[in-house]
Amino acid sequence: MTDAATIAAENDDFRQHPSKGVLILTDGIRCNSAKDIAKIITKVRNFKRFTKGNDPYGEHDFGSFIFKGHKIFWKIDTYDTRFLYISPYISGVRLAHKVLTIMYAEEY
């Protein structure tokens, strides 16, 4: 099993470079203007406010923030290479694919 610090570093890198995996914007997020979507993605990419409350395992796989009065969640999940199951391999791009989902809290 990979240690939390390694997973956190991989998740931070993925958030800052979402083209290394799959980025999903929910319908609610996609209803924003292109300019606001870019701002939301930038906030996710630069997120650093990890606490025991939002990151209990130290893996940097979830965060939330307020944007224009609405709470936004982002979540990273790791799937097997066929995108069928959550991957038992947390680390390693050859063994798993990361998916970053950005959504309004009420869409969760």
N, C-alpha and C. Protein backbone atom coordinates (compact mmCIF):
# COMPACT_ATOMS: atom_id res chain seq x y z
N MET A 1 0.85 -1.19 0.00
CA MET A 1 0.00 0.00 0.00
C MET A 1 0.89 1.24 0.00
N THR A 2 0.51 2.21 -0.76
CA THR A 2 1.27 3.45 -0.87
C THR A 2 0.98 4.35 0.32
N ASP A 3 2.01 5.07 0.78
CA ASP A 3 1.81 5.94 1.95
C ASP A 3 1.05 7.21 1.56
N ALA A 4 0.42 7.84 2.53
CA ALA A 4 -0.43 9.01 2.32
C ALA A 4 0.33 10.18 1.70
N ALA A 5 1.57 10.38 2.08
CA ALA A 5 2.35 11.50 1.54
C ALA A 5 2.57 11.34 0.04
N THR A 6 2.81 10.11 -0.41
CA THR A 6 2.99 9.86 -1.85
C THR A 6 1.69 10.09 -2.59
N ILE A 7 0.59 9.60 -2.03
CA ILE A 7 -0.72 9.79 -2.66
C ILE A 7 -1.06 11.27 -2.71
N ALA A 8 -0.82 12.00 -1.62
CA ALA A 8 -1.10 13.44 -1.59
C ALA A 8 -0.30 14.17 -2.66
N ALA A 9 0.97 13.82 -2.83
CA ALA A 9 1.81 14.46 -3.85
C ALA A 9 1.27 14.17 -5.25
N GLU A 10 0.86 12.93 -5.50
CA GLU A 10 0.28 12.58 -6.80
C GLU A 10 -1.03 13.32 -7.03
N ASN A 11 -1.88 13.40 -5.99
CA ASN A 11 -3.16 14.10 -6.14
C ASN A 11 -2.95 15.59 -6.35
N ASP A 12 -1.99 16.18 -5.64
CA ASP A 12 -1.68 17.60 -5.84
C ASP A 12 -1.21 17.85 -7.28
N ASP A 13 -0.34 16.97 -7.77
CA ASP A 13 0.16 17.11 -9.14
C ASP A 13 -0.98 16.97 -10.14
N PHE A 14 -1.87 16.02 -9.92
CA PHE A 14 -3.01 15.82 -10.81
C PHE A 14 -3.93 17.03 -10.79
N ARG A 15 -4.22 17.56 -9.62
CA ARG A 15 -5.09 18.75 -9.54
C ARG A 15 -4.48 19.92 -10.30
N GLN A 16 -3.17 20.07 -10.21
CA GLN A 16 -2.50 21.18 -10.88
C GLN A 16 -2.34 20.93 -12.38
N HIS A 17 -2.45 19.68 -12.79
CA HIS A 17 -2.32 19.31 -14.20
C HIS A 17 -3.42 18.30 -14.55
N PRO A 18 -4.70 18.72 -14.57
CA PRO A 18 -5.80 17.76 -14.76
C PRO A 18 -5.77 17.01 -16.08
N SER A 19 -4.96 17.46 -17.04
CA SER A 19 -4.87 16.73 -18.31
C SER A 19 -4.18 15.38 -18.12
N LYS A 20 -3.62 15.13 -16.94
CA LYS A 20 -2.99 13.83 -16.64
C LYS A 20 -4.02 12.76 -16.30
N GLY A 21 -5.28 13.14 -16.27
CA GLY A 21 -6.36 12.20 -15.96
C GLY A 21 -7.64 12.69 -16.60
N VAL A 22 -8.74 12.46 -15.92
CA VAL A 22 -10.06 12.85 -16.42
C VAL A 22 -10.62 13.95 -15.53
N LEU A 23 -11.10 15.02 -16.14
CA LEU A 23 -11.74 16.12 -15.41
C LEU A 23 -13.22 16.10 -15.74
N ILE A 24 -14.05 16.03 -14.71
CA ILE A 24 -15.50 16.03 -14.88
C ILE A 24 -16.07 17.28 -14.20
N LEU A 25 -16.82 18.05 -14.96
CA LEU A 25 -17.56 19.19 -14.43
C LEU A 25 -19.03 18.81 -14.47
N THR A 26 -19.70 18.91 -13.34
CA THR A 26 -21.11 18.55 -13.31
C THR A 26 -21.93 19.58 -14.10
N ASP A 27 -23.20 19.24 -14.33
CA ASP A 27 -24.09 20.14 -15.07
C ASP A 27 -24.15 21.52 -14.42
N GLY A 28 -24.22 21.55 -13.10
CA GLY A 28 -24.30 22.83 -12.40
C GLY A 28 -23.08 23.70 -12.66
N ILE A 29 -21.91 23.11 -12.60
CA ILE A 29 -20.68 23.86 -12.85
C ILE A 29 -20.63 24.31 -14.31
N ARG A 30 -21.04 23.43 -15.22
CA ARG A 30 -20.99 23.77 -16.64
C ARG A 30 -21.98 24.87 -17.02
N CYS A 31 -22.95 25.17 -16.17
CA CYS A 31 -23.91 26.25 -16.45
C CYS A 31 -23.29 27.64 -16.23
N ASN A 32 -22.12 27.70 -15.65
CA ASN A 32 -21.43 28.97 -15.43
C ASN A 32 -20.84 29.48 -16.75
N SER A 33 -20.47 30.74 -16.75
CA SER A 33 -19.78 31.29 -17.91
C SER A 33 -18.40 30.65 -18.02
N ALA A 34 -17.81 30.69 -19.21
CA ALA A 34 -16.47 30.14 -19.41
C ALA A 34 -15.47 30.80 -18.47
N LYS A 35 -15.63 32.09 -18.24
CA LYS A 35 -14.73 32.83 -17.35
C LYS A 35 -14.85 32.31 -15.91
N ASP A 36 -16.09 32.10 -15.45
CA ASP A 36 -16.28 31.58 -14.09
C ASP A 36 -15.80 30.14 -13.96
N ILE A 37 -16.00 29.32 -14.98
CA ILE A 37 -15.51 27.94 -14.95
C ILE A 37 -13.99 27.96 -14.82
N ALA A 38 -13.34 28.82 -15.56
CA ALA A 38 -11.87 28.93 -15.46
C ALA A 38 -11.45 29.33 -14.06
N LYS A 39 -12.19 30.25 -13.44
CA LYS A 39 -11.87 30.68 -12.06
C LYS A 39 -12.05 29.53 -11.08
N ILE A 40 -13.12 28.74 -11.26
CA ILE A 40 -13.39 27.60 -10.38
C ILE A 40 -12.27 26.57 -10.51
N ILE A 41 -11.90 26.25 -11.74
CA ILE A 41 -10.82 25.27 -11.94
C ILE A 41 -9.51 25.78 -11.34
N THR A 42 -9.25 27.06 -11.48
CA THR A 42 -8.04 27.64 -10.88
C THR A 42 -8.06 27.50 -9.37
N LYS A 43 -9.23 27.74 -8.75
CA LYS A 43 -9.33 27.58 -7.29
C LYS A 43 -9.07 26.13 -6.87
N VAL A 44 -9.56 25.18 -7.66
CA VAL A 44 -9.31 23.77 -7.36
C VAL A 44 -7.82 23.47 -7.52
N ARG A 45 -7.22 23.94 -8.59
CA ARG A 45 -5.80 23.68 -8.86
C ARG A 45 -4.92 24.24 -7.74
N ASN A 46 -5.30 25.39 -7.19
CA ASN A 46 -4.47 26.06 -6.17
C ASN A 46 -4.89 25.76 -4.74
N PHE A 47 -5.84 24.88 -4.53
CA PHE A 47 -6.37 24.60 -3.20
C PHE A 47 -5.26 24.08 -2.28
N LYS A 48 -5.18 24.66 -1.08
CA LYS A 48 -4.16 24.24 -0.11
C LYS A 48 -4.70 24.14 1.32
N ARG A 49 -5.97 24.39 1.51
CA ARG A 49 -6.54 24.44 2.87
C ARG A 49 -6.98 23.05 3.35
N PHE A 50 -6.03 22.14 3.44
CA PHE A 50 -6.34 20.80 3.91
C PHE A 50 -6.28 20.77 5.43
N THR A 51 -7.31 20.16 6.03
CA THR A 51 -7.40 20.03 7.48
C THR A 51 -7.76 18.59 7.83
N LYS A 52 -7.73 18.27 9.10
CA LYS A 52 -8.18 16.94 9.53
C LYS A 52 -9.66 16.72 9.18
N GLY A 53 -10.43 17.81 9.15
CA GLY A 53 -11.85 17.69 8.83
C GLY A 53 -12.14 17.36 7.38
N ASN A 54 -11.37 17.94 6.44
CA ASN A 54 -11.65 17.69 5.03
C ASN A 54 -10.64 16.72 4.40
N ASP A 55 -9.60 16.33 5.15
CA ASP A 55 -8.56 15.44 4.62
C ASP A 55 -8.06 14.52 5.72
N PRO A 56 -8.95 13.69 6.30
CA PRO A 56 -8.57 12.89 7.47
C PRO A 56 -7.45 11.88 7.21
N TYR A 57 -7.26 11.46 5.97
CA TYR A 57 -6.23 10.47 5.66
C TYR A 57 -4.97 11.10 5.06
N GLY A 58 -4.99 12.43 4.89
CA GLY A 58 -3.82 13.13 4.38
C GLY A 58 -3.51 12.87 2.92
N GLU A 59 -4.54 12.51 2.12
CA GLU A 59 -4.32 12.16 0.72
C GLU A 59 -4.65 13.28 -0.26
N HIS A 60 -5.14 14.40 0.22
CA HIS A 60 -5.46 15.56 -0.62
C HIS A 60 -6.40 15.17 -1.78
N ASP A 61 -7.44 14.40 -1.45
CA ASP A 61 -8.37 13.94 -2.48
C ASP A 61 -9.74 14.60 -2.42
N PHE A 62 -9.91 15.61 -1.56
CA PHE A 62 -11.19 16.30 -1.45
C PHE A 62 -10.94 17.72 -0.95
N GLY A 63 -11.78 18.62 -1.40
CA GLY A 63 -11.74 19.98 -0.89
C GLY A 63 -13.04 20.70 -1.20
N SER A 64 -13.24 21.83 -0.53
CA SER A 64 -14.43 22.64 -0.79
C SER A 64 -14.08 24.10 -0.57
N PHE A 65 -14.83 24.95 -1.23
CA PHE A 65 -14.65 26.39 -1.10
C PHE A 65 -15.94 27.07 -1.55
N ILE A 66 -16.04 28.35 -1.23
CA ILE A 66 -17.20 29.14 -1.63
C ILE A 66 -16.83 29.94 -2.87
N PHE A 67 -17.72 29.90 -3.86
CA PHE A 67 -17.55 30.69 -5.08
C PHE A 67 -18.87 31.39 -5.37
N LYS A 68 -18.83 32.71 -5.34
CA LYS A 68 -20.03 33.52 -5.59
C LYS A 68 -21.21 33.08 -4.73
N GLY A 69 -20.93 32.81 -3.46
CA GLY A 69 -21.97 32.46 -2.49
C GLY A 69 -22.41 31.01 -2.51
N HIS A 70 -21.79 30.18 -3.31
CA HIS A 70 -22.17 28.77 -3.40
C HIS A 70 -20.99 27.89 -3.03
N LYS A 71 -21.27 26.83 -2.27
CA LYS A 71 -20.22 25.90 -1.88
C LYS A 71 -19.94 24.94 -3.03
N ILE A 72 -18.66 24.81 -3.34
CA ILE A 72 -18.21 23.91 -4.39
C ILE A 72 -17.35 22.82 -3.77
N PHE A 73 -17.60 21.58 -4.18
CA PHE A 73 -16.79 20.43 -3.77
C PHE A 73 -15.95 19.99 -4.96
N TRP A 74 -14.77 19.47 -4.67
CA TRP A 74 -14.01 18.73 -5.68
C TRP A 74 -13.54 17.45 -5.03
N LYS A 75 -13.42 16.39 -5.84
CA LYS A 75 -13.07 15.06 -5.33
C LYS A 75 -12.24 14.34 -6.36
N ILE A 76 -11.19 13.66 -5.90
CA ILE A 76 -10.39 12.82 -6.78
C ILE A 76 -10.66 11.37 -6.43
N ASP A 77 -10.99 10.59 -7.45
CA ASP A 77 -11.16 9.15 -7.30
C ASP A 77 -10.17 8.46 -8.22
N THR A 78 -9.77 7.26 -7.85
CA THR A 78 -8.82 6.49 -8.64
C THR A 78 -9.49 5.20 -9.09
N TYR A 79 -9.54 4.98 -10.41
CA TYR A 79 -10.22 3.83 -10.99
C TYR A 79 -9.21 2.87 -11.62
N ASP A 80 -9.67 1.65 -11.83
CA ASP A 80 -8.82 0.69 -12.55
C ASP A 80 -8.66 1.15 -14.00
N THR A 81 -7.84 0.47 -14.75
CA THR A 81 -7.50 0.92 -16.10
C THR A 81 -8.68 0.84 -17.07
N ARG A 82 -9.75 0.13 -16.72
CA ARG A 82 -10.94 0.07 -17.59
C ARG A 82 -12.06 0.97 -17.07
N PHE A 83 -11.80 1.72 -16.02
CA PHE A 83 -12.79 2.62 -15.41
C PHE A 83 -14.04 1.88 -14.94
N LEU A 84 -13.86 0.67 -14.47
CA LEU A 84 -15.01 -0.11 -14.00
C LEU A 84 -15.14 -0.08 -12.48
N TYR A 85 -14.02 -0.02 -11.79
CA TYR A 85 -14.02 -0.13 -10.33
C TYR A 85 -13.04 0.88 -9.73
N ILE A 86 -13.29 1.23 -8.48
CA ILE A 86 -12.30 1.99 -7.74
C ILE A 86 -11.06 1.12 -7.67
N SER A 87 -9.92 1.69 -7.99
CA SER A 87 -8.71 0.91 -8.11
C SER A 87 -8.13 0.51 -6.77
N PRO A 88 -7.70 -0.74 -6.65
CA PRO A 88 -6.97 -1.14 -5.44
C PRO A 88 -5.55 -0.58 -5.47
N TYR A 89 -5.10 -0.09 -6.61
CA TYR A 89 -3.78 0.51 -6.77
C TYR A 89 -3.93 2.01 -6.69
N ILE A 90 -3.60 2.57 -5.58
CA ILE A 90 -3.75 4.01 -5.38
C ILE A 90 -2.70 4.79 -6.14
N SER A 91 -1.52 4.26 -6.25
CA SER A 91 -0.40 4.97 -6.84
C SER A 91 0.00 4.34 -8.17
N GLY A 92 0.40 5.16 -9.11
CA GLY A 92 0.94 4.64 -10.36
C GLY A 92 -0.01 4.80 -11.52
N VAL A 93 0.33 5.66 -12.44
CA VAL A 93 -0.57 5.94 -13.57
C VAL A 93 -0.77 4.75 -14.48
N ARG A 94 0.18 3.83 -14.55
CA ARG A 94 0.00 2.67 -15.42
C ARG A 94 -1.04 1.71 -14.84
N LEU A 95 -1.24 1.75 -13.55
CA LEU A 95 -2.14 0.81 -12.91
C LEU A 95 -3.52 1.40 -12.64
N ALA A 96 -3.63 2.71 -12.73
CA ALA A 96 -4.90 3.34 -12.36
C ALA A 96 -5.07 4.66 -13.08
N HIS A 97 -6.31 5.11 -13.13
CA HIS A 97 -6.63 6.41 -13.73
C HIS A 97 -7.30 7.29 -12.69
N LYS A 98 -6.85 8.52 -12.59
CA LYS A 98 -7.45 9.47 -11.65
C LYS A 98 -8.54 10.27 -12.35
N VAL A 99 -9.61 10.53 -11.60
CA VAL A 99 -10.74 11.31 -12.07
C VAL A 99 -10.98 12.43 -11.07
N LEU A 100 -10.98 13.67 -11.55
CA LEU A 100 -11.26 14.84 -10.72
C LEU A 100 -12.66 15.33 -11.08
N THR A 101 -13.55 15.33 -10.10
CA THR A 101 -14.91 15.82 -10.30
C THR A 101 -15.08 17.12 -9.53
N ILE A 102 -15.61 18.13 -10.21
CA ILE A 102 -15.91 19.42 -9.59
C ILE A 102 -17.41 19.62 -9.66
N MET A 103 -18.03 19.94 -8.50
CA MET A 103 -19.50 20.03 -8.42
C MET A 103 -19.93 21.04 -7.37
N TYR A 104 -21.16 21.49 -7.49
CA TYR A 104 -21.77 22.24 -6.40
C TYR A 104 -22.10 21.27 -5.29
N ALA A 105 -22.02 21.71 -4.05
CA ALA A 105 -22.27 20.82 -2.90
C ALA A 105 -23.64 20.15 -3.02
N GLU A 106 -24.65 20.89 -3.50
CA GLU A 106 -25.99 20.30 -3.59
C GLU A 106 -26.10 19.25 -4.69
N GLU A 107 -25.10 19.14 -5.55
CA GLU A 107 -25.11 18.11 -6.58
C GLU A 107 -24.52 16.79 -6.08
N TYR A 108 -23.91 16.81 -4.91
CA TYR A 108 -23.24 15.63 -4.38
C TYR A 108 -24.22 14.53 -4.06
